[in-house]
Amino acid sequence: MRSIQHPYLLFLGDAADPLAAKVAQGIVDWRPEFCVGQLRLPNCNADLGLEEMTLAEAREAGAKTLVIGVANRGGVIADSWIEILSEALIQGYDLAAGLHNKLADVPQLADLSAQNGRTLFDVRHPTDNFDVASGTKRKGQRLLAVGTDCSCGKMYTTLAMEKEMQARGLKASFRATGQTGILITGNGVSIDAVVADFISGAVESLCPDNEADHWDIIEGQGSLFHPSFAGVSMGLLHGAQADALIMCHEPTRTHMRGLPHYALPAIEECMEANLNAARLTNENARFVGLSINTSKMDEAAADAYLKDLSRQFDMPAVDPFRSGVGPLIEAL
């Protein structure tokens, strides 16, 4: 991961909506200095606010890697992207992606990368071998973000917590478990690409023994209530052995992302289920706060909602973007 060259040109392809470009948005939010511009196909419905650039213009501006910033359903390399990706390799770019499909498995891209001396980075696919989990208690302290749904702020919350904790002189390390986090920080394990038997073991490896006052801040994935991704969420809970949990939620959604026939669970129902699962490997696990994505609410409504949640659950409820994560740090 550390050999991925920046600056980046962020490729948004034909993203169906802004949330589909969350990989690119995460890089812009946390590593803006890495980003030269964006490249979109004509029917793209996402916009990062970066300068629109062609491959040639971005190369002239110093871009070294074309990063596929789209997290589409199924994580596939779309046929409509191949022409742009191929031309990028010819023009001297490396390619980086966090999709389930590997760049290296596309014959045309593999051939062009070899012919032009370029590198294909498939960051979603771990290269390490992991053991099955042992459940043995590890030294140090751990926090895991969980959610009522996928794509509701778990990565943003944990990155913000790491930044704030380090600013306060506390020992904290963000542990990336998804492709965007890996592209932002340079290391981690994309948990959803690990063979099921080894998910919890991979998390144990990601968060080993540490100093007693050190916090591993672990990026969560999916939701126990999402039929598509609950398996990964469960493996994370068991492997993390979390001392502290943060519940992430987006209150304006009417159903699970991508599944209009599944309603969102109630927050208290989701907290209870996560606690029950977490206590298999840490009987003292508990929730310390709620992180709420209020981006679709006006400021007054968001403030009232957060205050109501804080009173209801007797713990801090914050929007990391609007109000910061200070109360969550203090709750630790």
C-alpha atoms as a PDB file:
ATOM      1  CA  MET A   1       0.000   0.000   0.000  1.00  0.00           C
ATOM      2  CA  ARG A   2       2.758   2.458   0.810  1.00  0.00           C
ATOM      3  CA  SER A   3       4.054   2.174  -2.755  1.00  0.00           C
ATOM      4  CA  ILE A   4       0.899   3.676  -4.269  1.00  0.00           C
ATOM      5  CA  GLN A   5       2.054   6.904  -5.840  1.00  0.00           C
ATOM      6  CA  HIS A   6       0.197  10.164  -5.392  1.00  0.00           C
ATOM      7  CA  PRO A   7      -1.111  12.667  -6.439  1.00  0.00           C
ATOM      8  CA  TYR A   8      -4.285  10.917  -7.550  1.00  0.00           C
ATOM      9  CA  LEU A   9      -6.743  11.543 -10.361  1.00  0.00           C
ATOM     10  CA  LEU A  10     -10.065  10.295  -8.978  1.00  0.00           C
ATOM     11  CA  PHE A  11     -12.193   8.359 -11.461  1.00  0.00           C
ATOM     12  CA  LEU A  12     -15.931   8.503 -10.684  1.00  0.00           C
ATOM     13  CA  GLY A  13     -17.055   6.560 -13.732  1.00  0.00           C
ATOM     14  CA  ASP A  14     -20.841   6.430 -14.053  1.00  0.00           C
ATOM     15  CA  ALA A  15     -21.626   6.604 -10.326  1.00  0.00           C
ATOM     16  CA  ALA A  16     -25.390   6.397  -9.829  1.00  0.00           C
ATOM     17  CA  ASP A  17     -25.452   8.856  -6.910  1.00  0.00           C
ATOM     18  CA  PRO A  18     -23.043  10.708  -4.592  1.00  0.00           C
ATOM     19  CA  LEU A  19     -22.953   7.844  -2.082  1.00  0.00           C
ATOM     20  CA  ALA A  20     -21.731   5.475  -4.795  1.00  0.00           C
ATOM     21  CA  ALA A  21     -18.582   7.650  -4.975  1.00  0.00           C
ATOM     22  CA  LYS A  22     -17.899   7.327  -1.247  1.00  0.00           C
ATOM     23  CA  VAL A  23     -14.401   5.928  -1.864  1.00  0.00           C
ATOM     24  CA  ALA A  24     -13.352   9.056  -3.733  1.00  0.00           C
ATOM     25  CA  GLN A  25     -15.206  11.319  -1.292  1.00  0.00           C
ATOM     26  CA  GLY A  26     -13.363   9.746   1.623  1.00  0.00           C
ATOM     27  CA  ILE A  27     -10.001  10.427   0.001  1.00  0.00           C
ATOM     28  CA  VAL A  28     -10.991  14.040  -0.699  1.00  0.00           C
ATOM     29  CA  ASP A  29     -12.181  14.527   2.893  1.00  0.00           C
ATOM     30  CA  TRP A  30      -9.125  13.055   4.601  1.00  0.00           C
ATOM     31  CA  ARG A  31      -6.272  13.416   2.069  1.00  0.00           C
ATOM     32  CA  PRO A  32      -7.183  16.454  -0.090  1.00  0.00           C
ATOM     33  CA  GLU A  33      -3.499  17.083  -0.738  1.00  0.00           C
ATOM     34  CA  PHE A  34      -3.392  13.793  -2.688  1.00  0.00           C
ATOM     35  CA  CYS A  35      -6.113  14.854  -5.156  1.00  0.00           C
ATOM     36  CA  VAL A  36      -5.378  16.627  -8.458  1.00  0.00           C
ATOM     37  CA  GLY A  37      -8.853  16.417  -9.973  1.00  0.00           C
ATOM     38  CA  GLN A  38     -11.733  14.190 -10.996  1.00  0.00           C
ATOM     39  CA  LEU A  39     -12.641  12.326 -14.177  1.00  0.00           C
ATOM     40  CA  ARG A  40     -16.305  11.473 -14.842  1.00  0.00           C
ATOM     41  CA  LEU A  41     -18.208   9.695 -17.583  1.00  0.00           C
ATOM     42  CA  PRO A  42     -21.113  11.613 -19.175  1.00  0.00           C
ATOM     43  CA  ASN A  43     -23.857   9.915 -17.114  1.00  0.00           C
ATOM     44  CA  CYS A  44     -22.131  10.258 -13.741  1.00  0.00           C
ATOM     45  CA  ASN A  45     -24.375  11.566 -10.922  1.00  0.00           C
ATOM     46  CA  ALA A  46     -21.594  12.266  -8.405  1.00  0.00           C
ATOM     47  CA  ASP A  47     -19.453  15.392  -8.151  1.00  0.00           C
ATOM     48  CA  LEU A  48     -16.627  15.919  -5.640  1.00  0.00           C
ATOM     49  CA  GLY A  49     -16.216  19.583  -6.494  1.00  0.00           C
ATOM     50  CA  LEU A  50     -12.712  18.959  -7.836  1.00  0.00           C
ATOM     51  CA  GLU A  51     -11.453  20.305 -11.137  1.00  0.00           C
ATOM     52  CA  GLU A  52     -12.657  18.280 -14.111  1.00  0.00           C
ATOM     53  CA  MET A  53      -9.612  16.908 -15.924  1.00  0.00           C
ATOM     54  CA  THR A  54      -8.778  14.657 -18.827  1.00  0.00           C
ATOM     55  CA  LEU A  55      -6.116  12.014 -18.368  1.00  0.00           C
ATOM     56  CA  ALA A  56      -3.605  14.191 -20.232  1.00  0.00           C
ATOM     57  CA  GLU A  57      -4.419  17.303 -18.193  1.00  0.00           C
ATOM     58  CA  ALA A  58      -4.043  15.457 -14.899  1.00  0.00           C
ATOM     59  CA  ARG A  59      -0.727  13.931 -15.966  1.00  0.00           C
ATOM     60  CA  GLU A  60       0.488  17.407 -16.825  1.00  0.00           C
ATOM     61  CA  ALA A  61      -0.575  18.489 -13.315  1.00  0.00           C
ATOM     62  CA  GLY A  62       1.468  15.672 -11.772  1.00  0.00           C
ATOM     63  CA  ALA A  63      -1.063  12.857 -11.228  1.00  0.00           C
ATOM     64  CA  LYS A  64       0.581   9.443 -10.960  1.00  0.00           C
ATOM     65  CA  THR A  65      -2.265   7.076 -10.078  1.00  0.00           C
ATOM     66  CA  LEU A  66      -5.806   6.840 -11.399  1.00  0.00           C
ATOM     67  CA  VAL A  67      -7.909   5.756  -8.413  1.00  0.00           C
ATOM     68  CA  ILE A  68     -11.292   4.162  -9.078  1.00  0.00           C
ATOM     69  CA  GLY A  69     -13.352   6.043  -6.529  1.00  0.00           C
ATOM     70  CA  VAL A  70     -16.621   4.169  -7.048  1.00  0.00           C
ATOM     71  CA  ALA A  71     -18.074   1.540  -4.705  1.00  0.00           C
ATOM     72  CA  ASN A  72     -20.840   0.093  -6.868  1.00  0.00           C
ATOM     73  CA  ARG A  73     -23.133  -2.742  -5.866  1.00  0.00           C
ATOM     74  CA  GLY A  74     -21.198  -5.986  -6.238  1.00  0.00           C
ATOM     75  CA  GLY A  75     -17.870  -4.192  -6.626  1.00  0.00           C
ATOM     76  CA  VAL A  76     -17.523  -4.856 -10.354  1.00  0.00           C
ATOM     77  CA  ILE A  77     -15.258  -3.298 -12.977  1.00  0.00           C
ATOM     78  CA  ALA A  78     -17.800  -1.999 -15.489  1.00  0.00           C
ATOM     79  CA  ASP A  79     -17.287  -2.586 -19.199  1.00  0.00           C
ATOM     80  CA  SER A  80     -17.855   1.137 -19.751  1.00  0.00           C
ATOM     81  CA  TRP A  81     -14.687   1.897 -17.761  1.00  0.00           C
ATOM     82  CA  ILE A  82     -12.242  -0.288 -19.669  1.00  0.00           C
ATOM     83  CA  GLU A  83     -11.412   2.226 -22.396  1.00  0.00           C
ATOM     84  CA  ILE A  84     -10.478   4.960 -19.883  1.00  0.00           C
ATOM     85  CA  LEU A  85      -8.524   2.561 -17.662  1.00  0.00           C
ATOM     86  CA  SER A  86      -6.620   1.220 -20.646  1.00  0.00           C
ATOM     87  CA  GLU A  87      -5.755   4.691 -21.897  1.00  0.00           C
ATOM     88  CA  ALA A  88      -4.568   5.643 -18.415  1.00  0.00           C
ATOM     89  CA  LEU A  89      -2.053   2.790 -18.412  1.00  0.00           C
ATOM     90  CA  ILE A  90      -0.826   3.820 -21.871  1.00  0.00           C
ATOM     91  CA  GLN A  91      -0.360   7.411 -20.664  1.00  0.00           C
ATOM     92  CA  GLY A  92       1.757   6.295 -17.706  1.00  0.00           C
ATOM     93  CA  TYR A  93      -0.674   5.982 -14.818  1.00  0.00           C
ATOM     94  CA  ASP A  94      -0.758   3.236 -12.226  1.00  0.00           C
ATOM     95  CA  LEU A  95      -4.277   2.062 -11.365  1.00  0.00           C
ATOM     96  CA  ALA A  96      -5.695   1.552  -7.866  1.00  0.00           C
ATOM     97  CA  ALA A  97      -9.092   0.101  -7.003  1.00  0.00           C
ATOM     98  CA  GLY A  98     -10.922  -1.320  -4.025  1.00  0.00           C
ATOM     99  CA  LEU A  99     -13.481  -3.416  -5.887  1.00  0.00           C
ATOM    100  CA  HIS A 100     -14.346  -7.089  -5.500  1.00  0.00           C
ATOM    101  CA  ASN A 101     -13.307  -7.608  -9.132  1.00  0.00           C
ATOM    102  CA  LYS A 102      -9.549  -7.392  -9.526  1.00  0.00           C
ATOM    103  CA  LEU A 103      -7.917  -5.073 -12.019  1.00  0.00           C
ATOM    104  CA  ALA A 104      -5.302  -7.778 -12.464  1.00  0.00           C
ATOM    105  CA  ASP A 105      -7.998 -10.236 -13.588  1.00  0.00           C
ATOM    106  CA  VAL A 106      -9.000  -8.103 -16.580  1.00  0.00           C
ATOM    107  CA  PRO A 107      -6.762  -9.456 -19.393  1.00  0.00           C
ATOM    108  CA  GLN A 108      -6.610  -6.167 -21.303  1.00  0.00           C
ATOM    109  CA  LEU A 109      -5.536  -4.227 -18.218  1.00  0.00           C
ATOM    110  CA  ALA A 110      -3.057  -6.872 -17.101  1.00  0.00           C
ATOM    111  CA  ASP A 111      -1.454  -6.912 -20.558  1.00  0.00           C
ATOM    112  CA  LEU A 112      -1.251  -3.119 -20.800  1.00  0.00           C
ATOM    113  CA  SER A 113       0.224  -2.751 -17.322  1.00  0.00           C
ATOM    114  CA  ALA A 114       2.958  -5.244 -18.202  1.00  0.00           C
ATOM    115  CA  GLN A 115       3.633  -3.623 -21.582  1.00  0.00           C
ATOM    116  CA  ASN A 116       3.894  -0.132 -20.089  1.00  0.00           C
ATOM    117  CA  GLY A 117       5.649  -0.975 -16.819  1.00  0.00           C
ATOM    118  CA  ARG A 118       2.695   0.130 -14.698  1.00  0.00           C
ATOM    119  CA  THR A 119       1.307  -1.328 -11.459  1.00  0.00           C
ATOM    120  CA  LEU A 120      -2.233  -2.454 -10.658  1.00  0.00           C
ATOM    121  CA  PHE A 121      -3.190  -2.056  -6.992  1.00  0.00           C
ATOM    122  CA  ASP A 122      -6.160  -4.171  -5.886  1.00  0.00           C
ATOM    123  CA  VAL A 123      -6.386  -2.893  -2.328  1.00  0.00           C
ATOM    124  CA  ARG A 124      -9.516  -4.855  -1.456  1.00  0.00           C
ATOM    125  CA  HIS A 125      -7.744  -8.187  -1.756  1.00  0.00           C
ATOM    126  CA  PRO A 126      -5.558  -9.084   1.233  1.00  0.00           C
ATOM    127  CA  THR A 127      -2.187 -10.632   0.538  1.00  0.00           C
ATOM    128  CA  ASP A 128      -1.634 -11.916   4.097  1.00  0.00           C
ATOM    129  CA  ASN A 129      -2.672 -15.307   5.443  1.00  0.00           C
ATOM    130  CA  PHE A 130      -4.819 -15.164   8.583  1.00  0.00           C
ATOM    131  CA  ASP A 131      -5.515 -17.673  11.334  1.00  0.00           C
ATOM    132  CA  VAL A 132      -8.963 -18.430  12.655  1.00  0.00           C
ATOM    133  CA  ALA A 133      -9.822 -16.299  15.683  1.00  0.00           C
ATOM    134  CA  SER A 134      -8.842 -17.502  19.129  1.00  0.00           C
ATOM    135  CA  GLY A 135     -10.956 -15.135  21.233  1.00  0.00           C
ATOM    136  CA  THR A 136      -7.988 -14.775  23.616  1.00  0.00           C
ATOM    137  CA  LYS A 137      -8.030 -11.488  25.520  1.00  0.00           C
ATOM    138  CA  ARG A 138      -5.569  -8.950  24.124  1.00  0.00           C
ATOM    139  CA  LYS A 139      -3.859  -6.053  25.892  1.00  0.00           C
ATOM    140  CA  GLY A 140      -4.765  -2.474  25.089  1.00  0.00           C
ATOM    141  CA  GLN A 141      -8.182  -0.959  24.442  1.00  0.00           C
ATOM    142  CA  ARG A 142     -10.427  -1.103  21.398  1.00  0.00           C
ATOM    143  CA  LEU A 143     -13.369   0.827  20.013  1.00  0.00           C
ATOM    144  CA  LEU A 144     -15.568  -0.373  17.156  1.00  0.00           C
ATOM    145  CA  ALA A 145     -18.109   1.635  15.167  1.00  0.00           C
ATOM    146  CA  VAL A 146     -21.287  -0.268  14.296  1.00  0.00           C
ATOM    147  CA  GLY A 147     -24.380   0.868  12.421  1.00  0.00           C
ATOM    148  CA  THR A 148     -28.074   0.539  11.794  1.00  0.00           C
ATOM    149  CA  ASP A 149     -27.206   0.342   8.078  1.00  0.00           C
ATOM    150  CA  CYS A 150     -24.238   0.344   5.729  1.00  0.00           C
ATOM    151  CA  SER A 151     -22.749   3.637   4.473  1.00  0.00           C
ATOM    152  CA  CYS A 152     -23.935   5.732   7.399  1.00  0.00           C
ATOM    153  CA  GLY A 153     -20.692   7.151   8.823  1.00  0.00           C
ATOM    154  CA  LYS A 154     -18.638   4.428  10.501  1.00  0.00           C
ATOM    155  CA  MET A 155     -15.407   5.253   8.681  1.00  0.00           C
ATOM    156  CA  TYR A 156     -15.840   9.012   9.009  1.00  0.00           C
ATOM    157  CA  THR A 157     -16.565   8.675  12.735  1.00  0.00           C
ATOM    158  CA  THR A 158     -13.540   6.532  13.495  1.00  0.00           C
ATOM    159  CA  LEU A 159     -11.160   8.659  11.415  1.00  0.00           C
ATOM    160  CA  ALA A 160     -12.441  11.773  13.196  1.00  0.00           C
ATOM    161  CA  MET A 161     -11.996  10.111  16.578  1.00  0.00           C
ATOM    162  CA  GLU A 162      -8.421   9.099  15.814  1.00  0.00           C
ATOM    163  CA  LYS A 163      -7.594  12.644  14.690  1.00  0.00           C
ATOM    164  CA  GLU A 164      -9.139  14.228  17.779  1.00  0.00           C
ATOM    165  CA  MET A 165      -7.568  11.745  20.193  1.00  0.00           C
ATOM    166  CA  GLN A 166      -4.116  12.268  18.727  1.00  0.00           C
ATOM    167  CA  ALA A 167      -4.622  16.042  18.904  1.00  0.00           C
ATOM    168  CA  ARG A 168      -5.310  15.607  22.642  1.00  0.00           C
ATOM    169  CA  GLY A 169      -2.104  13.625  23.108  1.00  0.00           C
ATOM    170  CA  LEU A 170      -3.861  10.274  23.483  1.00  0.00           C
ATOM    171  CA  LYS A 171      -2.561   7.046  21.975  1.00  0.00           C
ATOM    172  CA  ALA A 172      -4.907   6.043  19.172  1.00  0.00           C
ATOM    173  CA  SER A 173      -4.637   4.228  15.831  1.00  0.00           C
ATOM    174  CA  PHE A 174      -7.308   4.029  13.144  1.00  0.00           C
ATOM    175  CA  ARG A 175      -7.615   0.456  11.873  1.00  0.00           C
ATOM    176  CA  ALA A 176      -8.949   0.371   8.309  1.00  0.00           C
ATOM    177  CA  THR A 177     -11.240  -2.506   7.384  1.00  0.00           C
ATOM    178  CA  GLY A 178     -12.406  -1.283   3.971  1.00  0.00           C
ATOM    179  CA  GLN A 179     -10.931  -0.128   0.702  1.00  0.00           C
ATOM    180  CA  THR A 180     -11.421   3.598   1.275  1.00  0.00           C
ATOM    181  CA  GLY A 181      -9.772   3.518   4.685  1.00  0.00           C
ATOM    182  CA  ILE A 182      -6.849   1.600   3.216  1.00  0.00           C
ATOM    183  CA  LEU A 183      -6.399   4.176   0.429  1.00  0.00           C
ATOM    184  CA  ILE A 184      -6.525   6.967   3.015  1.00  0.00           C
ATOM    185  CA  THR A 185      -4.139   5.503   5.589  1.00  0.00           C
ATOM    186  CA  GLY A 186      -1.956   3.191   3.534  1.00  0.00           C
ATOM    187  CA  ASN A 187      -2.645  -0.045   5.409  1.00  0.00           C
ATOM    188  CA  GLY A 188      -5.373  -2.260   6.805  1.00  0.00           C
ATOM    189  CA  VAL A 189      -7.419  -5.283   5.825  1.00  0.00           C
ATOM    190  CA  SER A 190     -10.470  -5.189   3.585  1.00  0.00           C
ATOM    191  CA  ILE A 191     -12.546  -7.485   5.742  1.00  0.00           C
ATOM    192  CA  ASP A 192     -15.257  -8.212   3.188  1.00  0.00           C
ATOM    193  CA  ALA A 193     -12.671  -9.899   0.952  1.00  0.00           C
ATOM    194  CA  VAL A 194     -11.470 -12.292   3.678  1.00  0.00           C
ATOM    195  CA  VAL A 195     -12.711 -15.899   3.585  1.00  0.00           C
ATOM    196  CA  ALA A 196     -15.547 -16.162   6.111  1.00  0.00           C
ATOM    197  CA  ASP A 197     -13.788 -18.510   8.561  1.00  0.00           C
ATOM    198  CA  PHE A 198     -10.929 -16.027   8.934  1.00  0.00           C
ATOM    199  CA  ILE A 199     -12.751 -12.682   9.317  1.00  0.00           C
ATOM    200  CA  SER A 200     -12.496 -12.559  13.104  1.00  0.00           C
ATOM    201  CA  GLY A 201      -8.912 -13.795  12.977  1.00  0.00           C
ATOM    202  CA  ALA A 202      -8.029 -11.055  10.499  1.00  0.00           C
ATOM    203  CA  VAL A 203      -9.434  -8.447  12.902  1.00  0.00           C
ATOM    204  CA  GLU A 204      -7.416  -9.962  15.752  1.00  0.00           C
ATOM    205  CA  SER A 205      -4.321  -9.635  13.539  1.00  0.00           C
ATOM    206  CA  LEU A 206      -5.210  -6.041  12.652  1.00  0.00           C
ATOM    207  CA  CYS A 207      -5.563  -5.087  16.339  1.00  0.00           C
ATOM    208  CA  PRO A 208      -2.948  -7.090  18.274  1.00  0.00           C
ATOM    209  CA  ASP A 209      -1.697  -6.641  21.844  1.00  0.00           C
ATOM    210  CA  ASN A 210      -0.833  -3.035  22.612  1.00  0.00           C
ATOM    211  CA  GLU A 211      -0.037  -0.692  25.491  1.00  0.00           C
ATOM    212  CA  ALA A 212      -2.650  -0.546  28.226  1.00  0.00           C
ATOM    213  CA  ASP A 213      -3.552   3.085  27.434  1.00  0.00           C
ATOM    214  CA  HIS A 214      -3.584   2.690  23.643  1.00  0.00           C
ATOM    215  CA  TRP A 215      -6.878   2.715  21.720  1.00  0.00           C
ATOM    216  CA  ASP A 216      -7.370   0.892  18.442  1.00  0.00           C
ATOM    217  CA  ILE A 217     -10.184   2.767  16.676  1.00  0.00           C
ATOM    218  CA  ILE A 218     -11.682   0.145  14.379  1.00  0.00           C
ATOM    219  CA  GLU A 219     -13.646   1.026  11.263  1.00  0.00           C
ATOM    220  CA  GLY A 220     -16.953  -0.855  11.171  1.00  0.00           C
ATOM    221  CA  GLN A 221     -18.639  -2.420   8.147  1.00  0.00           C
ATOM    222  CA  GLY A 222     -22.241  -3.092   7.205  1.00  0.00           C
ATOM    223  CA  SER A 223     -24.894  -3.782   9.829  1.00  0.00           C
ATOM    224  CA  LEU A 224     -26.154  -6.812  11.701  1.00  0.00           C
ATOM    225  CA  PHE A 225     -29.572  -5.896  10.270  1.00  0.00           C
ATOM    226  CA  HIS A 226     -28.522  -5.699   6.608  1.00  0.00           C
ATOM    227  CA  PRO A 227     -29.206  -9.045   4.892  1.00  0.00           C
ATOM    228  CA  SER A 228     -26.394  -8.463   2.404  1.00  0.00           C
ATOM    229  CA  PHE A 229     -23.580  -7.643   4.826  1.00  0.00           C
ATOM    230  CA  ALA A 230     -24.445  -8.907   8.304  1.00  0.00           C
ATOM    231  CA  GLY A 231     -21.864 -11.710   8.158  1.00  0.00           C
ATOM    232  CA  VAL A 232     -18.962  -9.284   7.919  1.00  0.00           C
ATOM    233  CA  SER A 233     -20.437  -7.138  10.712  1.00  0.00           C
ATOM    234  CA  MET A 234     -20.635 -10.161  13.019  1.00  0.00           C
ATOM    235  CA  GLY A 235     -17.055 -11.205  12.286  1.00  0.00           C
ATOM    236  CA  LEU A 236     -15.846  -7.702  13.103  1.00  0.00           C
ATOM    237  CA  LEU A 237     -17.690  -7.680  16.421  1.00  0.00           C
ATOM    238  CA  HIS A 238     -16.137 -10.958  17.517  1.00  0.00           C
ATOM    239  CA  GLY A 239     -12.606 -10.207  16.329  1.00  0.00           C
ATOM    240  CA  ALA A 240     -12.510  -6.653  17.658  1.00  0.00           C
ATOM    241  CA  GLN A 241     -13.138  -7.621  21.298  1.00  0.00           C
ATOM    242  CA  ALA A 242     -14.316  -4.040  21.615  1.00  0.00           C
ATOM    243  CA  ASP A 243     -14.331  -2.372  25.018  1.00  0.00           C
ATOM    244  CA  ALA A 244     -16.356   0.506  23.566  1.00  0.00           C
ATOM    245  CA  LEU A 245     -18.936   0.671  20.795  1.00  0.00           C
ATOM    246  CA  ILE A 246     -20.263   3.662  18.845  1.00  0.00           C
ATOM    247  CA  MET A 247     -23.654   3.389  17.152  1.00  0.00           C
ATOM    248  CA  CYS A 248     -23.821   5.112  13.745  1.00  0.00           C
ATOM    249  CA  HIS A 249     -27.151   6.047  12.174  1.00  0.00           C
ATOM    250  CA  GLU A 250     -28.678   8.101   9.354  1.00  0.00           C
ATOM    251  CA  PRO A 251     -32.148   9.133  10.571  1.00  0.00           C
ATOM    252  CA  THR A 252     -33.794  10.194   7.299  1.00  0.00           C
ATOM    253  CA  ARG A 253     -33.564   6.823   5.559  1.00  0.00           C
ATOM    254  CA  THR A 254     -36.754   4.856   5.076  1.00  0.00           C
ATOM    255  CA  HIS A 255     -35.133   1.492   4.314  1.00  0.00           C
ATOM    256  CA  MET A 256     -31.819  -0.358   4.289  1.00  0.00           C
ATOM    257  CA  ARG A 257     -29.501   0.896   1.555  1.00  0.00           C
ATOM    258  CA  GLY A 258     -30.223  -0.985  -1.668  1.00  0.00           C
ATOM    259  CA  LEU A 259     -33.077  -2.981  -0.118  1.00  0.00           C
ATOM    260  CA  PRO A 260     -36.364  -1.047  -0.223  1.00  0.00           C
ATOM    261  CA  HIS A 261     -38.215  -4.073   1.172  1.00  0.00           C
ATOM    262  CA  TYR A 262     -36.216  -3.963   4.460  1.00  0.00           C
ATOM    263  CA  ALA A 263     -36.968  -1.223   6.987  1.00  0.00           C
ATOM    264  CA  LEU A 264     -34.235   0.227   9.202  1.00  0.00           C
ATOM    265  CA  PRO A 265     -34.142  -1.219  12.722  1.00  0.00           C
ATOM    266  CA  ALA A 266     -34.832   0.935  15.755  1.00  0.00           C
ATOM    267  CA  ILE A 267     -31.631   2.243  17.315  1.00  0.00           C
ATOM    268  CA  GLU A 268     -32.275   0.509  20.646  1.00  0.00           C
ATOM    269  CA  GLU A 269     -32.953  -2.799  18.882  1.00  0.00           C
ATOM    270  CA  CYS A 270     -29.694  -2.478  16.963  1.00  0.00           C
ATOM    271  CA  MET A 271     -27.720  -1.587  20.086  1.00  0.00           C
ATOM    272  CA  GLU A 272     -29.064  -4.606  21.944  1.00  0.00           C
ATOM    273  CA  ALA A 273     -28.179  -6.995  19.115  1.00  0.00           C
ATOM    274  CA  ASN A 274     -24.655  -5.584  18.775  1.00  0.00           C
ATOM    275  CA  LEU A 275     -24.043  -5.790  22.520  1.00  0.00           C
ATOM    276  CA  ASN A 276     -25.178  -9.387  22.653  1.00  0.00           C
ATOM    277  CA  ALA A 277     -22.795 -10.291  19.820  1.00  0.00           C
ATOM    278  CA  ALA A 278     -19.873  -8.244  21.141  1.00  0.00           C
ATOM    279  CA  ARG A 279     -20.064  -9.795  24.600  1.00  0.00           C
ATOM    280  CA  LEU A 280     -19.154 -13.203  23.232  1.00  0.00           C
ATOM    281  CA  THR A 281     -15.493 -12.070  23.192  1.00  0.00           C
ATOM    282  CA  ASN A 282     -15.643  -9.160  25.654  1.00  0.00           C
ATOM    283  CA  GLU A 283     -18.223  -9.470  28.403  1.00  0.00           C
ATOM    284  CA  ASN A 284     -17.594  -5.845  29.401  1.00  0.00           C
ATOM    285  CA  ALA A 285     -18.368  -4.311  25.992  1.00  0.00           C
ATOM    286  CA  ARG A 286     -20.669  -1.291  26.167  1.00  0.00           C
ATOM    287  CA  PHE A 287     -21.884   1.624  24.100  1.00  0.00           C
ATOM    288  CA  VAL A 288     -20.329   5.003  24.875  1.00  0.00           C
ATOM    289  CA  GLY A 289     -22.052   7.205  22.293  1.00  0.00           C
ATOM    290  CA  LEU A 290     -23.965   7.677  19.067  1.00  0.00           C
ATOM    291  CA  SER A 291     -22.687   9.174  15.814  1.00  0.00           C
ATOM    292  CA  ILE A 292     -25.473  10.543  13.637  1.00  0.00           C
ATOM    293  CA  ASN A 293     -25.251  11.575   9.980  1.00  0.00           C
ATOM    294  CA  THR A 294     -27.605  14.593   9.934  1.00  0.00           C
ATOM    295  CA  SER A 295     -26.532  15.829   6.498  1.00  0.00           C
ATOM    296  CA  LYS A 296     -30.122  15.736   5.208  1.00  0.00           C
ATOM    297  CA  MET A 297     -31.534  17.669   8.180  1.00  0.00           C
ATOM    298  CA  ASP A 298     -31.415  21.422   8.763  1.00  0.00           C
ATOM    299  CA  GLU A 299     -29.343  22.659  11.681  1.00  0.00           C
ATOM    300  CA  ALA A 300     -32.239  23.228  14.071  1.00  0.00           C
ATOM    301  CA  ALA A 301     -33.774  19.815  13.415  1.00  0.00           C
ATOM    302  CA  ALA A 302     -30.391  18.111  13.711  1.00  0.00           C
ATOM    303  CA  ASP A 303     -29.607  19.837  17.018  1.00  0.00           C
ATOM    304  CA  ALA A 304     -32.986  18.867  18.485  1.00  0.00           C
ATOM    305  CA  TYR A 305     -32.635  15.273  17.290  1.00  0.00           C
ATOM    306  CA  LEU A 306     -29.160  14.880  18.800  1.00  0.00           C
ATOM    307  CA  LYS A 307     -30.315  16.302  22.127  1.00  0.00           C
ATOM    308  CA  ASP A 308     -33.299  13.946  22.192  1.00  0.00           C
ATOM    309  CA  LEU A 309     -31.087  10.924  21.501  1.00  0.00           C
ATOM    310  CA  SER A 310     -28.604  11.962  24.176  1.00  0.00           C
ATOM    311  CA  ARG A 311     -31.399  12.174  26.745  1.00  0.00           C
ATOM    312  CA  GLN A 312     -32.993   8.914  25.608  1.00  0.00           C
ATOM    313  CA  PHE A 313     -29.794   6.859  25.818  1.00  0.00           C
ATOM    314  CA  ASP A 314     -27.964   8.852  28.507  1.00  0.00           C
ATOM    315  CA  MET A 315     -24.836   9.146  26.401  1.00  0.00           C
ATOM    316  CA  PRO A 316     -23.426  11.684  23.919  1.00  0.00           C
ATOM    317  CA  ALA A 317     -24.992  11.866  20.457  1.00  0.00           C
ATOM    318  CA  VAL A 318     -23.018  13.890  17.907  1.00  0.00           C
ATOM    319  CA  ASP A 319     -22.713  14.567  14.212  1.00  0.00           C
ATOM    320  CA  PRO A 320     -18.920  14.313  13.650  1.00  0.00           C
ATOM    321  CA  PHE A 321     -19.068  16.705  10.707  1.00  0.00           C
ATOM    322  CA  ARG A 322     -21.275  19.380  12.274  1.00  0.00           C
ATOM    323  CA  SER A 323     -20.299  19.239  15.918  1.00  0.00           C
ATOM    324  CA  GLY A 324     -17.113  17.202  16.153  1.00  0.00           C
ATOM    325  CA  VAL A 325     -16.422  14.075  18.173  1.00  0.00           C
ATOM    326  CA  GLY A 326     -15.170  15.680  21.382  1.00  0.00           C
ATOM    327  CA  PRO A 327     -18.013  14.316  23.548  1.00  0.00           C
ATOM    328  CA  LEU A 328     -17.303  10.776  22.283  1.00  0.00           C
ATOM    329  CA  ILE A 329     -13.652  11.098  23.298  1.00  0.00           C
ATOM    330  CA  GLU A 330     -14.633  12.351  26.727  1.00  0.00           C
ATOM    331  CA  ALA A 331     -17.015   9.411  27.111  1.00  0.00           C
ATOM    332  CA  LEU A 332     -14.075   7.023  26.772  1.00  0.00           C
END
